[in-house]
PDB file of N, CA and C in Angstrom:
ATOM      1  N   MET A   1     -38.655   1.863 -49.259  1.00  0.00           N
ATOM      2  CA  MET A   1     -37.940   3.500 -49.488  1.00  0.00           C
ATOM      3  C   MET A   1     -36.974   3.887 -48.628  1.00  0.00           C
ATOM      4  N   LEU A   2     -36.213   4.606 -48.939  1.00  0.00           N
ATOM      5  CA  LEU A   2     -35.182   5.673 -47.863  1.00  0.00           C
ATOM      6  C   LEU A   2     -35.957   6.846 -48.157  1.00  0.00           C
ATOM      7  N   THR A   3     -35.659   7.506 -46.819  1.00  0.00           N
ATOM      8  CA  THR A   3     -36.358   8.950 -46.903  1.00  0.00           C
ATOM      9  C   THR A   3     -35.754   9.461 -46.174  1.00  0.00           C
ATOM     10  N   ILE A   4     -35.289  11.285 -46.398  1.00  0.00           N
ATOM     11  CA  ILE A   4     -34.509  12.237 -45.641  1.00  0.00           C
ATOM     12  C   ILE A   4     -35.416  13.253 -45.897  1.00  0.00           C
ATOM     13  N   SER A   5     -34.787  14.130 -45.019  1.00  0.00           N
ATOM     14  CA  SER A   5     -35.870  15.298 -44.755  1.00  0.00           C
ATOM     15  C   SER A   5     -35.038  16.254 -44.353  1.00  0.00           C
ATOM     16  N   LYS A   6     -34.902  17.512 -44.663  1.00  0.00           N
ATOM     17  CA  LYS A   6     -34.425  18.812 -43.990  1.00  0.00           C
ATOM     18  C   LYS A   6     -35.328  20.125 -43.732  1.00  0.00           C
ATOM     19  N   GLU A   7     -35.130  20.811 -43.180  1.00  0.00           N
ATOM     20  CA  GLU A   7     -35.919  21.600 -42.193  1.00  0.00           C
ATOM     21  C   GLU A   7     -35.149  22.944 -42.521  1.00  0.00           C
ATOM     22  N   PHE A   8     -36.291  23.981 -42.910  1.00  0.00           N
ATOM     23  CA  PHE A   8     -36.066  25.337 -42.978  1.00  0.00           C
ATOM     24  C   PHE A   8     -37.000  26.250 -42.486  1.00  0.00           C
ATOM     25  N   HIS A   9     -36.631  27.600 -42.250  1.00  0.00           N
ATOM     26  CA  HIS A   9     -37.110  28.405 -41.663  1.00  0.00           C
ATOM     27  C   HIS A   9     -37.293  29.829 -42.315  1.00  0.00           C
ATOM     28  N   PHE A  10     -38.166  30.571 -42.188  1.00  0.00           N
ATOM     29  CA  PHE A  10     -38.604  32.110 -42.710  1.00  0.00           C
ATOM     30  C   PHE A  10     -39.646  32.641 -41.970  1.00  0.00           C
ATOM     31  N   SER A  11     -39.431  34.175 -41.888  1.00  0.00           N
ATOM     32  CA  SER A  11     -41.274  34.793 -41.420  1.00  0.00           C
ATOM     33  C   SER A  11     -41.621  35.243 -42.597  1.00  0.00           C
ATOM     34  N   ALA A  12     -42.779  35.550 -42.565  1.00  0.00           N
ATOM     35  CA  ALA A  12     -43.553  36.360 -43.404  1.00  0.00           C
ATOM     36  C   ALA A  12     -44.887  36.595 -43.045  1.00  0.00           C
ATOM     37  N   SER A  13     -45.646  37.479 -43.644  1.00  0.00           N
ATOM     38  CA  SER A  13     -46.823  38.219 -43.321  1.00  0.00           C
ATOM     39  C   SER A  13     -48.024  37.239 -44.464  1.00  0.00           C
ATOM     40  N   HIS A  14     -49.161  37.268 -44.132  1.00  0.00           N
ATOM     41  CA  HIS A  14     -50.291  36.984 -44.920  1.00  0.00           C
ATOM     42  C   HIS A  14     -51.576  37.324 -44.438  1.00  0.00           C
ATOM     43  N   VAL A  15     -53.024  37.321 -45.583  1.00  0.00           N
ATOM     44  CA  VAL A  15     -53.898  37.903 -44.931  1.00  0.00           C
ATOM     45  C   VAL A  15     -54.964  36.367 -45.513  1.00  0.00           C
ATOM     46  N   LEU A  16     -55.655  35.879 -44.512  1.00  0.00           N
ATOM     47  CA  LEU A  16     -56.588  34.721 -45.322  1.00  0.00           C
ATOM     48  C   LEU A  16     -57.891  36.026 -45.347  1.00  0.00           C
ATOM     49  N   ASP A  17     -57.744  36.198 -46.666  1.00  0.00           N
ATOM     50  CA  ASP A  17     -59.171  37.431 -47.052  1.00  0.00           C
ATOM     51  C   ASP A  17     -60.533  36.720 -47.342  1.00  0.00           C
ATOM     52  N   ARG A  18     -60.481  35.014 -47.451  1.00  0.00           N
ATOM     53  CA  ARG A  18     -62.018  34.641 -47.882  1.00  0.00           C
ATOM     54  C   ARG A  18     -62.465  34.178 -46.354  1.00  0.00           C
ATOM     55  N   LEU A  19     -61.587  34.332 -45.406  1.00  0.00           N
ATOM     56  CA  LEU A  19     -62.013  33.837 -43.976  1.00  0.00           C
ATOM     57  C   LEU A  19     -62.941  35.269 -43.381  1.00  0.00           C
ATOM     58  N   PRO A  20     -64.703  34.869 -42.792  1.00  0.00           N
ATOM     59  CA  PRO A  20     -65.472  36.182 -42.236  1.00  0.00           C
ATOM     60  C   PRO A  20     -64.467  37.010 -41.510  1.00  0.00           C
ATOM     61  N   GLY A  21     -65.285  38.432 -41.880  1.00  0.00           N
ATOM     62  CA  GLY A  21     -64.275  39.528 -41.184  1.00  0.00           C
ATOM     63  C   GLY A  21     -64.028  39.442 -39.376  1.00  0.00           C
ATOM     64  N   TRP A  22     -64.717  38.724 -38.662  1.00  0.00           N
ATOM     65  CA  TRP A  22     -64.904  38.181 -37.523  1.00  0.00           C
ATOM     66  C   TRP A  22     -63.348  37.405 -37.218  1.00  0.00           C
ATOM     67  N   HIS A  23     -62.690  36.715 -38.283  1.00  0.00           N
ATOM     68  CA  HIS A  23     -62.111  35.691 -38.061  1.00  0.00           C
ATOM     69  C   HIS A  23     -60.580  36.381 -37.801  1.00  0.00           C
ATOM     70  N   PRO A  24     -59.345  35.844 -36.636  1.00  0.00           N
ATOM     71  CA  PRO A  24     -58.615  36.756 -36.520  1.00  0.00           C
ATOM     72  C   PRO A  24     -57.576  36.860 -37.809  1.00  0.00           C
ATOM     73  N   CYS A  25     -57.665  35.803 -38.546  1.00  0.00           N
ATOM     74  CA  CYS A  25     -56.610  35.255 -39.534  1.00  0.00           C
ATOM     75  C   CYS A  25     -56.957  36.181 -40.667  1.00  0.00           C
ATOM     76  N   ALA A  26     -58.308  36.963 -40.547  1.00  0.00           N
ATOM     77  CA  ALA A  26     -58.668  37.607 -42.004  1.00  0.00           C
ATOM     78  C   ALA A  26     -57.954  38.782 -41.883  1.00  0.00           C
ATOM     79  N   ARG A  27     -57.456  39.373 -40.672  1.00  0.00           N
ATOM     80  CA  ARG A  27     -56.690  40.324 -40.467  1.00  0.00           C
ATOM     81  C   ARG A  27     -55.020  39.900 -40.911  1.00  0.00           C
ATOM     82  N   MET A  28     -54.342  41.228 -41.571  1.00  0.00           N
ATOM     83  CA  MET A  28     -52.983  40.588 -41.550  1.00  0.00           C
ATOM     84  C   MET A  28     -52.234  40.470 -40.493  1.00  0.00           C
ATOM     85  N   HIS A  29     -51.571  39.254 -40.643  1.00  0.00           N
ATOM     86  CA  HIS A  29     -50.479  38.625 -39.402  1.00  0.00           C
ATOM     87  C   HIS A  29     -49.178  37.940 -39.842  1.00  0.00           C
ATOM     88  N   GLY A  30     -48.843  37.882 -38.981  1.00  0.00           N
ATOM     89  CA  GLY A  30     -47.279  36.866 -39.305  1.00  0.00           C
ATOM     90  C   GLY A  30     -47.102  35.619 -38.658  1.00  0.00           C
ATOM     91  N   HIS A  31     -46.150  34.745 -39.539  1.00  0.00           N
ATOM     92  CA  HIS A  31     -45.797  33.751 -38.797  1.00  0.00           C
ATOM     93  C   HIS A  31     -44.258  33.400 -38.977  1.00  0.00           C
ATOM     94  N   ASN A  32     -43.924  32.828 -38.119  1.00  0.00           N
ATOM     95  CA  ASN A  32     -42.394  32.178 -38.040  1.00  0.00           C
ATOM     96  C   ASN A  32     -42.684  30.702 -38.773  1.00  0.00           C
ATOM     97  N   TYR A  33     -42.490  30.595 -40.180  1.00  0.00           N
ATOM     98  CA  TYR A  33     -42.606  29.381 -40.656  1.00  0.00           C
ATOM     99  C   TYR A  33     -41.755  28.207 -40.699  1.00  0.00           C
ATOM    100  N   VAL A  34     -41.820  27.220 -40.538  1.00  0.00           N
ATOM    101  CA  VAL A  34     -40.995  25.731 -40.772  1.00  0.00           C
ATOM    102  C   VAL A  34     -41.613  24.913 -41.852  1.00  0.00           C
ATOM    103  N   VAL A  35     -40.648  24.934 -42.637  1.00  0.00           N
ATOM    104  CA  VAL A  35     -40.498  24.203 -44.076  1.00  0.00           C
ATOM    105  C   VAL A  35     -40.060  23.021 -43.968  1.00  0.00           C
ATOM    106  N   VAL A  36     -40.430  21.738 -44.269  1.00  0.00           N
ATOM    107  CA  VAL A  36     -39.380  20.636 -44.332  1.00  0.00           C
ATOM    108  C   VAL A  36     -39.880  20.246 -45.649  1.00  0.00           C
ATOM    109  N   LEU A  37     -38.649  19.795 -46.340  1.00  0.00           N
ATOM    110  CA  LEU A  37     -38.813  18.930 -47.763  1.00  0.00           C
ATOM    111  C   LEU A  37     -38.701  17.193 -47.565  1.00  0.00           C
ATOM    112  N   GLU A  38     -39.304  16.396 -47.618  1.00  0.00           N
ATOM    113  CA  GLU A  38     -38.777  15.210 -47.949  1.00  0.00           C
ATOM    114  C   GLU A  38     -38.648  15.006 -49.291  1.00  0.00           C
ATOM    115  N   LEU A  39     -37.267  13.761 -49.279  1.00  0.00           N
ATOM    116  CA  LEU A  39     -37.317  13.243 -50.685  1.00  0.00           C
ATOM    117  C   LEU A  39     -37.122  11.675 -50.026  1.00  0.00           C
ATOM    118  N   SER A  40     -37.522  10.800 -51.419  1.00  0.00           N
ATOM    119  CA  SER A  40     -37.312   9.524 -51.239  1.00  0.00           C
ATOM    120  C   SER A  40     -36.632   8.535 -52.268  1.00  0.00           C
ATOM    121  N   ALA A  41     -36.385   7.853 -52.228  1.00  0.00           N
ATOM    122  CA  ALA A  41     -35.712   6.757 -53.251  1.00  0.00           C
ATOM    123  C   ALA A  41     -35.487   5.684 -52.882  1.00  0.00           C
ATOM    124  N   ARG A  42     -35.906   4.512 -53.549  1.00  0.00           N
ATOM    125  CA  ARG A  42     -35.497   3.138 -53.789  1.00  0.00           C
ATOM    126  C   ARG A  42     -34.106   2.689 -53.496  1.00  0.00           C
ATOM    127  N   ARG A  43     -34.143   1.546 -52.565  1.00  0.00           N
ATOM    128  CA  ARG A  43     -32.311   1.360 -52.285  1.00  0.00           C
ATOM    129  C   ARG A  43     -31.702   1.404 -53.728  1.00  0.00           C
ATOM    130  N   GLU A  44     -32.489   0.711 -54.538  1.00  0.00           N
ATOM    131  CA  GLU A  44     -31.494   0.430 -56.064  1.00  0.00           C
ATOM    132  C   GLU A  44     -31.245   2.102 -56.760  1.00  0.00           C
ATOM    133  N   ASP A  45     -32.221   3.032 -56.173  1.00  0.00           N
ATOM    134  CA  ASP A  45     -31.963   4.315 -56.955  1.00  0.00           C
ATOM    135  C   ASP A  45     -30.864   5.250 -56.493  1.00  0.00           C
ATOM    136  N   LEU A  46     -30.371   4.616 -55.144  1.00  0.00           N
ATOM    137  CA  LEU A  46     -29.662   5.593 -54.413  1.00  0.00           C
ATOM    138  C   LEU A  46     -28.524   6.276 -55.654  1.00  0.00           C
ATOM    139  N   ALA A  47     -28.100   7.152 -55.108  1.00  0.00           N
ATOM    140  CA  ALA A  47     -26.964   7.899 -55.667  1.00  0.00           C
ATOM    141  C   ALA A  47     -25.694   6.913 -55.530  1.00  0.00           C
ATOM    142  N   GLU A  48     -24.707   7.061 -56.489  1.00  0.00           N
ATOM    143  CA  GLU A  48     -23.489   6.368 -56.332  1.00  0.00           C
ATOM    144  C   GLU A  48     -22.673   6.607 -54.907  1.00  0.00           C
ATOM    145  N   THR A  49     -22.994   7.654 -53.935  1.00  0.00           N
ATOM    146  CA  THR A  49     -22.616   8.099 -53.165  1.00  0.00           C
ATOM    147  C   THR A  49     -23.685   7.475 -51.821  1.00  0.00           C
ATOM    148  N   GLY A  50     -24.565   6.663 -52.173  1.00  0.00           N
ATOM    149  CA  GLY A  50     -25.597   6.256 -51.442  1.00  0.00           C
ATOM    150  C   GLY A  50     -26.624   7.121 -50.582  1.00  0.00           C
ATOM    151  N   PHE A  51     -26.652   8.331 -51.003  1.00  0.00           N
ATOM    152  CA  PHE A  51     -27.468   9.326 -50.803  1.00  0.00           C
ATOM    153  C   PHE A  51     -29.176   9.627 -51.615  1.00  0.00           C
ATOM    154  N   VAL A  52     -29.918   9.538 -50.801  1.00  0.00           N
ATOM    155  CA  VAL A  52     -31.094  10.095 -51.197  1.00  0.00           C
ATOM    156  C   VAL A  52     -30.939  11.277 -52.040  1.00  0.00           C
ATOM    157  N   ARG A  53     -30.166  12.008 -51.775  1.00  0.00           N
ATOM    158  CA  ARG A  53     -29.673  13.403 -52.583  1.00  0.00           C
ATOM    159  C   ARG A  53     -28.875  13.913 -51.515  1.00  0.00           C
ATOM    160  N   ASP A  54     -27.473  14.327 -51.554  1.00  0.00           N
ATOM    161  CA  ASP A  54     -26.805  15.140 -51.148  1.00  0.00           C
ATOM    162  C   ASP A  54     -27.717  16.410 -50.245  1.00  0.00           C
ATOM    163  N   TYR A  55     -27.435  16.657 -49.148  1.00  0.00           N
ATOM    164  CA  TYR A  55     -28.266  17.858 -48.266  1.00  0.00           C
ATOM    165  C   TYR A  55     -27.732  19.364 -48.852  1.00  0.00           C
ATOM    166  N   ARG A  56     -26.580  18.829 -49.107  1.00  0.00           N
ATOM    167  CA  ARG A  56     -25.735  20.211 -49.756  1.00  0.00           C
ATOM    168  C   ARG A  56     -26.566  20.541 -50.392  1.00  0.00           C
ATOM    169  N   GLU A  57     -27.131  20.125 -51.846  1.00  0.00           N
ATOM    170  CA  GLU A  57     -27.395  20.546 -52.610  1.00  0.00           C
ATOM    171  C   GLU A  57     -28.902  20.959 -52.427  1.00  0.00           C
ATOM    172  N   LEU A  58     -29.486  20.771 -51.001  1.00  0.00           N
ATOM    173  CA  LEU A  58     -30.472  21.870 -51.142  1.00  0.00           C
ATOM    174  C   LEU A  58     -30.316  23.018 -50.380  1.00  0.00           C
ATOM    175  N   ASP A  59     -29.408  23.465 -50.219  1.00  0.00           N
ATOM    176  CA  ASP A  59     -28.946  24.864 -50.248  1.00  0.00           C
ATOM    177  C   ASP A  59     -29.372  26.213 -51.083  1.00  0.00           C
ATOM    178  N   ILE A  60     -29.761  25.515 -52.527  1.00  0.00           N
ATOM    179  CA  ILE A  60     -30.493  26.342 -53.003  1.00  0.00           C
ATOM    180  C   ILE A  60     -31.925  26.723 -53.182  1.00  0.00           C
ATOM    181  N   PHE A  61     -32.645  25.820 -52.609  1.00  0.00           N
ATOM    182  CA  PHE A  61     -33.948  25.583 -51.704  1.00  0.00           C
ATOM    183  C   PHE A  61     -33.836  27.107 -50.928  1.00  0.00           C
ATOM    184  N   LYS A  62     -32.745  26.981 -49.952  1.00  0.00           N
ATOM    185  CA  LYS A  62     -32.848  27.759 -48.706  1.00  0.00           C
ATOM    186  C   LYS A  62     -32.612  29.378 -49.363  1.00  0.00           C
ATOM    187  N   LYS A  63     -31.627  29.328 -50.456  1.00  0.00           N
ATOM    188  CA  LYS A  63     -31.414  30.522 -50.907  1.00  0.00           C
ATOM    189  C   LYS A  63     -32.772  31.123 -51.629  1.00  0.00           C
ATOM    190  N   TRP A  64     -33.548  30.625 -52.625  1.00  0.00           N
ATOM    191  CA  TRP A  64     -34.669  31.042 -52.967  1.00  0.00           C
ATOM    192  C   TRP A  64     -36.019  30.857 -51.723  1.00  0.00           C
ATOM    193  N   MET A  65     -35.874  30.126 -50.377  1.00  0.00           N
ATOM    194  CA  MET A  65     -36.789  30.669 -49.430  1.00  0.00           C
ATOM    195  C   MET A  65     -36.189  32.198 -49.250  1.00  0.00           C
ATOM    196  N   ASP A  66     -35.143  32.451 -48.911  1.00  0.00           N
ATOM    197  CA  ASP A  66     -34.690  33.794 -48.187  1.00  0.00           C
ATOM    198  C   ASP A  66     -34.945  34.565 -49.526  1.00  0.00           C
ATOM    199  N   ASP A  67     -34.888  34.884 -50.427  1.00  0.00           N
ATOM    200  CA  ASP A  67     -35.068  35.670 -51.988  1.00  0.00           C
ATOM    201  C   ASP A  67     -36.631  35.775 -51.687  1.00  0.00           C
ATOM    202  N   THR A  68     -37.082  34.669 -51.615  1.00  0.00           N
ATOM    203  CA  THR A  68     -38.875  34.791 -52.209  1.00  0.00           C
ATOM    204  C   THR A  68     -40.005  35.009 -51.354  1.00  0.00           C
ATOM    205  N   LEU A  69     -39.319  34.390 -49.942  1.00  0.00           N
ATOM    206  CA  LEU A  69     -40.483  34.267 -48.855  1.00  0.00           C
ATOM    207  C   LEU A  69     -40.013  35.153 -47.715  1.00  0.00           C
ATOM    208  N   ASP A  70     -38.880  35.125 -47.375  1.00  0.00           N
ATOM    209  CA  ASP A  70     -38.484  35.593 -46.126  1.00  0.00           C
ATOM    210  C   ASP A  70     -38.864  36.733 -45.678  1.00  0.00           C
ATOM    211  N   HIS A  71     -39.634  37.411 -44.768  1.00  0.00           N
ATOM    212  CA  HIS A  71     -39.662  38.974 -44.221  1.00  0.00           C
ATOM    213  C   HIS A  71     -40.573  39.645 -45.980  1.00  0.00           C
ATOM    214  N   ARG A  72     -41.502  38.467 -46.362  1.00  0.00           N
ATOM    215  CA  ARG A  72     -42.366  39.085 -47.527  1.00  0.00           C
ATOM    216  C   ARG A  72     -43.467  38.613 -47.610  1.00  0.00           C
ATOM    217  N   HIS A  73     -44.654  39.312 -48.295  1.00  0.00           N
ATOM    218  CA  HIS A  73     -46.026  39.337 -48.028  1.00  0.00           C
ATOM    219  C   HIS A  73     -46.485  38.317 -48.758  1.00  0.00           C
ATOM    220  N   LEU A  74     -46.857  36.987 -48.016  1.00  0.00           N
ATOM    221  CA  LEU A  74     -47.264  35.620 -48.951  1.00  0.00           C
ATOM    222  C   LEU A  74     -48.166  36.306 -49.942  1.00  0.00           C
ATOM    223  N   ASN A  75     -49.054  36.832 -49.608  1.00  0.00           N
ATOM    224  CA  ASN A  75     -50.384  36.956 -50.424  1.00  0.00           C
ATOM    225  C   ASN A  75     -49.212  37.649 -51.758  1.00  0.00           C
ATOM    226  N   GLU A  76     -48.328  38.517 -51.650  1.00  0.00           N
ATOM    227  CA  GLU A  76     -47.575  38.735 -52.957  1.00  0.00           C
ATOM    228  C   GLU A  76     -46.587  37.958 -53.547  1.00  0.00           C
ATOM    229  N   ALA A  77     -45.927  37.229 -52.733  1.00  0.00           N
ATOM    230  CA  ALA A  77     -45.581  36.036 -53.271  1.00  0.00           C
ATOM    231  C   ALA A  77     -45.521  35.012 -53.910  1.00  0.00           C
ATOM    232  N   MET A  78     -46.738  34.379 -53.334  1.00  0.00           N
ATOM    233  CA  MET A  78     -47.361  33.587 -54.196  1.00  0.00           C
ATOM    234  C   MET A  78     -48.474  34.001 -55.612  1.00  0.00           C
ATOM    235  N   GLY A  79     -48.391  35.136 -55.413  1.00  0.00           N
ATOM    236  CA  GLY A  79     -49.236  35.598 -56.746  1.00  0.00           C
ATOM    237  C   GLY A  79     -50.907  35.460 -56.915  1.00  0.00           C
ATOM    238  N   GLU A  80     -51.384  35.703 -57.129  1.00  0.00           N
ATOM    239  CA  GLU A  80     -52.728  35.958 -57.201  1.00  0.00           C
ATOM    240  C   GLU A  80     -53.763  34.637 -57.364  1.00  0.00           C
ATOM    241  N   GLY A  81     -54.820  34.575 -56.826  1.00  0.00           N
ATOM    242  CA  GLY A  81     -55.932  32.922 -56.871  1.00  0.00           C
ATOM    243  C   GLY A  81     -55.656  32.027 -55.791  1.00  0.00           C
ATOM    244  N   LEU A  82     -54.074  32.234 -55.320  1.00  0.00           N
ATOM    245  CA  LEU A  82     -54.281  31.092 -54.073  1.00  0.00           C
ATOM    246  C   LEU A  82     -54.495  31.915 -52.469  1.00  0.00           C
ATOM    247  N   PRO A  83     -55.214  31.261 -51.607  1.00  0.00           N
ATOM    248  CA  PRO A  83     -55.187  31.942 -50.739  1.00  0.00           C
ATOM    249  C   PRO A  83     -53.531  31.273 -49.748  1.00  0.00           C
ATOM    250  N   PRO A  84     -52.957  32.187 -49.407  1.00  0.00           N
ATOM    251  CA  PRO A  84     -51.810  31.843 -48.678  1.00  0.00           C
ATOM    252  C   PRO A  84     -51.963  31.063 -47.434  1.00  0.00           C
ATOM    253  N   SER A  85     -52.644  30.077 -47.377  1.00  0.00           N
ATOM    254  CA  SER A  85     -52.969  28.963 -46.133  1.00  0.00           C
ATOM    255  C   SER A  85     -51.706  28.327 -46.281  1.00  0.00           C
ATOM    256  N   ALA A  86     -51.490  27.825 -45.006  1.00  0.00           N
ATOM    257  CA  ALA A  86     -50.248  26.280 -44.884  1.00  0.00           C
ATOM    258  C   ALA A  86     -50.248  25.403 -46.118  1.00  0.00           C
ATOM    259  N   GLU A  87     -51.912  25.085 -46.106  1.00  0.00           N
ATOM    260  CA  GLU A  87     -51.790  23.748 -47.124  1.00  0.00           C
ATOM    261  C   GLU A  87     -51.880  24.177 -48.513  1.00  0.00           C
ATOM    262  N   ASN A  88     -51.918  25.413 -48.954  1.00  0.00           N
ATOM    263  CA  ASN A  88     -51.399  25.908 -50.391  1.00  0.00           C
ATOM    264  C   ASN A  88     -50.109  26.234 -50.387  1.00  0.00           C
ATOM    265  N   LEU A  89     -49.555  26.800 -49.277  1.00  0.00           N
ATOM    266  CA  LEU A  89     -47.912  27.309 -49.362  1.00  0.00           C
ATOM    267  C   LEU A  89     -47.349  25.741 -49.623  1.00  0.00           C
ATOM    268  N   ALA A  90     -47.797  24.712 -48.866  1.00  0.00           N
ATOM    269  CA  ALA A  90     -47.035  23.323 -49.345  1.00  0.00           C
ATOM    270  C   ALA A  90     -47.216  23.452 -50.488  1.00  0.00           C
ATOM    271  N   ALA A  91     -48.680  22.982 -50.930  1.00  0.00           N
ATOM    272  CA  ALA A  91     -48.436  22.156 -52.529  1.00  0.00           C
ATOM    273  C   ALA A  91     -47.977  23.410 -53.341  1.00  0.00           C
ATOM    274  N   TRP A  92     -47.658  24.828 -53.251  1.00  0.00           N
ATOM    275  CA  TRP A  92     -46.813  25.608 -54.100  1.00  0.00           C
ATOM    276  C   TRP A  92     -45.793  25.051 -54.335  1.00  0.00           C
ATOM    277  N   ILE A  93     -45.166  25.298 -53.092  1.00  0.00           N
ATOM    278  CA  ILE A  93     -43.634  24.547 -53.045  1.00  0.00           C
ATOM    279  C   ILE A  93     -43.190  23.249 -53.785  1.00  0.00           C
ATOM    280  N   PHE A  94     -44.192  22.319 -53.605  1.00  0.00           N
ATOM    281  CA  PHE A  94     -43.766  21.320 -54.158  1.00  0.00           C
ATOM    282  C   PHE A  94     -43.577  21.427 -55.477  1.00  0.00           C
ATOM    283  N   ASP A  95     -44.725  22.211 -55.994  1.00  0.00           N
ATOM    284  CA  ASP A  95     -45.245  22.209 -57.541  1.00  0.00           C
ATOM    285  C   ASP A  95     -43.951  23.209 -58.139  1.00  0.00           C
ATOM    286  N   LEU A  96     -43.332  23.909 -57.370  1.00  0.00           N
ATOM    287  CA  LEU A  96     -42.158  25.002 -58.023  1.00  0.00           C
ATOM    288  C   LEU A  96     -40.839  23.981 -57.692  1.00  0.00           C
ATOM    289  N   TRP A  97     -40.686  22.995 -57.124  1.00  0.00           N
ATOM    290  CA  TRP A  97     -39.634  22.295 -56.911  1.00  0.00           C
ATOM    291  C   TRP A  97     -39.197  20.930 -57.616  1.00  0.00           C
ATOM    292  N   ILE A  98     -40.799  20.059 -57.398  1.00  0.00           N
ATOM    293  CA  ILE A  98     -40.211  18.764 -58.005  1.00  0.00           C
ATOM    294  C   ILE A  98     -39.660  18.634 -59.441  1.00  0.00           C
ATOM    295  N   GLU A  99     -39.488  19.527 -59.887  1.00  0.00           N
ATOM    296  CA  GLU A  99     -38.728  19.273 -61.147  1.00  0.00           C
ATOM    297  C   GLU A  99     -37.296  19.275 -60.743  1.00  0.00           C
ATOM    298  N   ARG A 100     -36.962  20.270 -59.912  1.00  0.00           N
ATOM    299  CA  ARG A 100     -35.347  20.383 -59.689  1.00  0.00           C
ATOM    300  C   ARG A 100     -35.161  19.182 -58.900  1.00  0.00           C
ATOM    301  N   PHE A 101     -36.051  18.786 -57.831  1.00  0.00           N
ATOM    302  CA  PHE A 101     -35.849  17.554 -57.137  1.00  0.00           C
ATOM    303  C   PHE A 101     -36.373  16.513 -57.195  1.00  0.00           C
ATOM    304  N   PRO A 102     -36.173  15.816 -58.177  1.00  0.00           N
ATOM    305  CA  PRO A 102     -37.509  14.785 -58.269  1.00  0.00           C
ATOM    306  C   PRO A 102     -37.852  13.674 -57.771  1.00  0.00           C
ATOM    307  N   GLU A 103     -37.026  13.700 -56.404  1.00  0.00           N
ATOM    308  CA  GLU A 103     -37.223  12.770 -55.319  1.00  0.00           C
ATOM    309  C   GLU A 103     -37.920  12.940 -54.090  1.00  0.00           C
ATOM    310  N   LEU A 104     -38.420  14.378 -54.403  1.00  0.00           N
ATOM    311  CA  LEU A 104     -39.433  15.368 -53.216  1.00  0.00           C
ATOM    312  C   LEU A 104     -40.383  14.281 -53.319  1.00  0.00           C
ATOM    313  N   THR A 105     -40.945  14.055 -52.316  1.00  0.00           N
ATOM    314  CA  THR A 105     -42.233  13.093 -51.912  1.00  0.00           C
ATOM    315  C   THR A 105     -43.511  14.033 -51.041  1.00  0.00           C
ATOM    316  N   ALA A 106     -42.727  15.079 -50.413  1.00  0.00           N
ATOM    317  CA  ALA A 106     -43.582  15.572 -49.353  1.00  0.00           C
ATOM    318  C   ALA A 106     -43.215  16.851 -49.111  1.00  0.00           C
ATOM    319  N   VAL A 107     -44.365  17.875 -48.670  1.00  0.00           N
ATOM    320  CA  VAL A 107     -43.470  19.111 -48.521  1.00  0.00           C
ATOM    321  C   VAL A 107     -44.339  19.790 -47.182  1.00  0.00           C
ATOM    322  N   ARG A 108     -44.122  19.739 -45.721  1.00  0.00           N
ATOM    323  CA  ARG A 108     -44.396  20.014 -44.764  1.00  0.00           C
ATOM    324  C   ARG A 108     -44.633  21.647 -44.347  1.00  0.00           C
ATOM    325  N   VAL A 109     -45.552  22.353 -43.845  1.00  0.00           N
ATOM    326  CA  VAL A 109     -45.517  23.756 -43.582  1.00  0.00           C
ATOM    327  C   VAL A 109     -46.029  24.063 -41.913  1.00  0.00           C
ATOM    328  N   SER A 110     -45.277  24.592 -41.040  1.00  0.00           N
ATOM    329  CA  SER A 110     -45.930  24.765 -39.658  1.00  0.00           C
ATOM    330  C   SER A 110     -45.995  26.735 -39.736  1.00  0.00           C
ATOM    331  N   GLU A 111     -47.326  26.678 -39.350  1.00  0.00           N
ATOM    332  CA  GLU A 111     -47.446  28.175 -39.077  1.00  0.00           C
ATOM    333  C   GLU A 111     -46.992  28.386 -37.553  1.00  0.00           C
ATOM    334  N   THR A 112     -47.288  27.549 -36.605  1.00  0.00           N
ATOM    335  CA  THR A 112     -46.817  27.339 -35.168  1.00  0.00           C
ATOM    336  C   THR A 112     -46.646  26.222 -34.818  1.00  0.00           C
ATOM    337  N   PRO A 113     -45.889  26.374 -33.887  1.00  0.00           N
ATOM    338  CA  PRO A 113     -45.270  24.909 -33.047  1.00  0.00           C
ATOM    339  C   PRO A 113     -46.326  23.923 -32.611  1.00  0.00           C
ATOM    340  N   LYS A 114     -47.315  23.728 -32.912  1.00  0.00           N
ATOM    341  CA  LYS A 114     -48.533  23.002 -32.849  1.00  0.00           C
ATOM    342  C   LYS A 114     -49.262  22.636 -34.071  1.00  0.00           C
ATOM    343  N   THR A 115     -49.281  23.066 -35.434  1.00  0.00           N
ATOM    344  CA  THR A 115     -50.037  23.321 -36.545  1.00  0.00           C
ATOM    345  C   THR A 115     -49.006  22.916 -37.479  1.00  0.00           C
ATOM    346  N   TRP A 116     -49.559  21.743 -38.526  1.00  0.00           N
ATOM    347  CA  TRP A 116     -48.714  21.382 -39.332  1.00  0.00           C
ATOM    348  C   TRP A 116     -49.512  20.847 -40.551  1.00  0.00           C
ATOM    349  N   ALA A 117     -49.268  21.659 -41.883  1.00  0.00           N
ATOM    350  CA  ALA A 117     -49.980  21.170 -43.178  1.00  0.00           C
ATOM    351  C   ALA A 117     -48.888  20.599 -44.081  1.00  0.00           C
ATOM    352  N   GLU A 118     -49.287  19.207 -44.445  1.00  0.00           N
ATOM    353  CA  GLU A 118     -48.408  18.431 -45.484  1.00  0.00           C
ATOM    354  C   GLU A 118     -49.455  18.332 -46.972  1.00  0.00           C
ATOM    355  N   TYR A 119     -48.102  18.494 -48.210  1.00  0.00           N
ATOM    356  CA  TYR A 119     -48.876  17.940 -49.221  1.00  0.00           C
ATOM    357  C   TYR A 119     -47.966  16.829 -49.771  1.00  0.00           C
ATOM    358  N   ARG A 120     -48.330  15.696 -50.023  1.00  0.00           N
ATOM    359  CA  ARG A 120     -48.141  14.674 -50.657  1.00  0.00           C
ATOM    360  C   ARG A 120     -48.912  14.066 -51.671  1.00  0.00           C
ATOM    361  N   PRO A 121     -48.573  14.227 -52.792  1.00  0.00           N
ATOM    362  CA  PRO A 121     -49.559  13.805 -53.956  1.00  0.00           C
ATOM    363  C   PRO A 121     -49.407  12.435 -54.262  1.00  0.00           C
ATOM    364  N   GLU A 122     -50.373  12.268 -54.679  1.00  0.00           N
ATOM    365  CA  GLU A 122     -50.573  10.494 -54.800  1.00  0.00           C
ATOM    366  C   GLU A 122     -50.009  10.424 -56.017  1.00  0.00           C
ATOM    367  N   ARG A 123     -49.115   9.127 -56.052  1.00  0.00           N
ATOM    368  CA  ARG A 123     -48.600   8.644 -56.972  1.00  0.00           C
ATOM    369  C   ARG A 123     -48.819   7.470 -57.347  1.00  0.00           C
TER     370      ARG A 123
END
């Protein structure tokens, strides 16, 4: 397999309201998020250009992220039902973008420089 990845950044707030009241993340707070999209293809399935996918084709994801997530409240942006944890955010992004980018194999989300969550579905 050949794998490419591209990193994106946005800032947003959230409340993890299913945590106990004493937990600091139960209060509204924000992060400078890092999102990494990982795309993979077998060597024989590469585009004629030799790419898994042209990185420029990922510009549409950046625009969506800026319009949908950047400087937003994730509890509202992601809709009802899912606590906006890094884990759920990674899975939510994957589910929204797998149809557009069928080569998508994983989405990683960081809330702080030392913490990462990854969604990589079993195939």
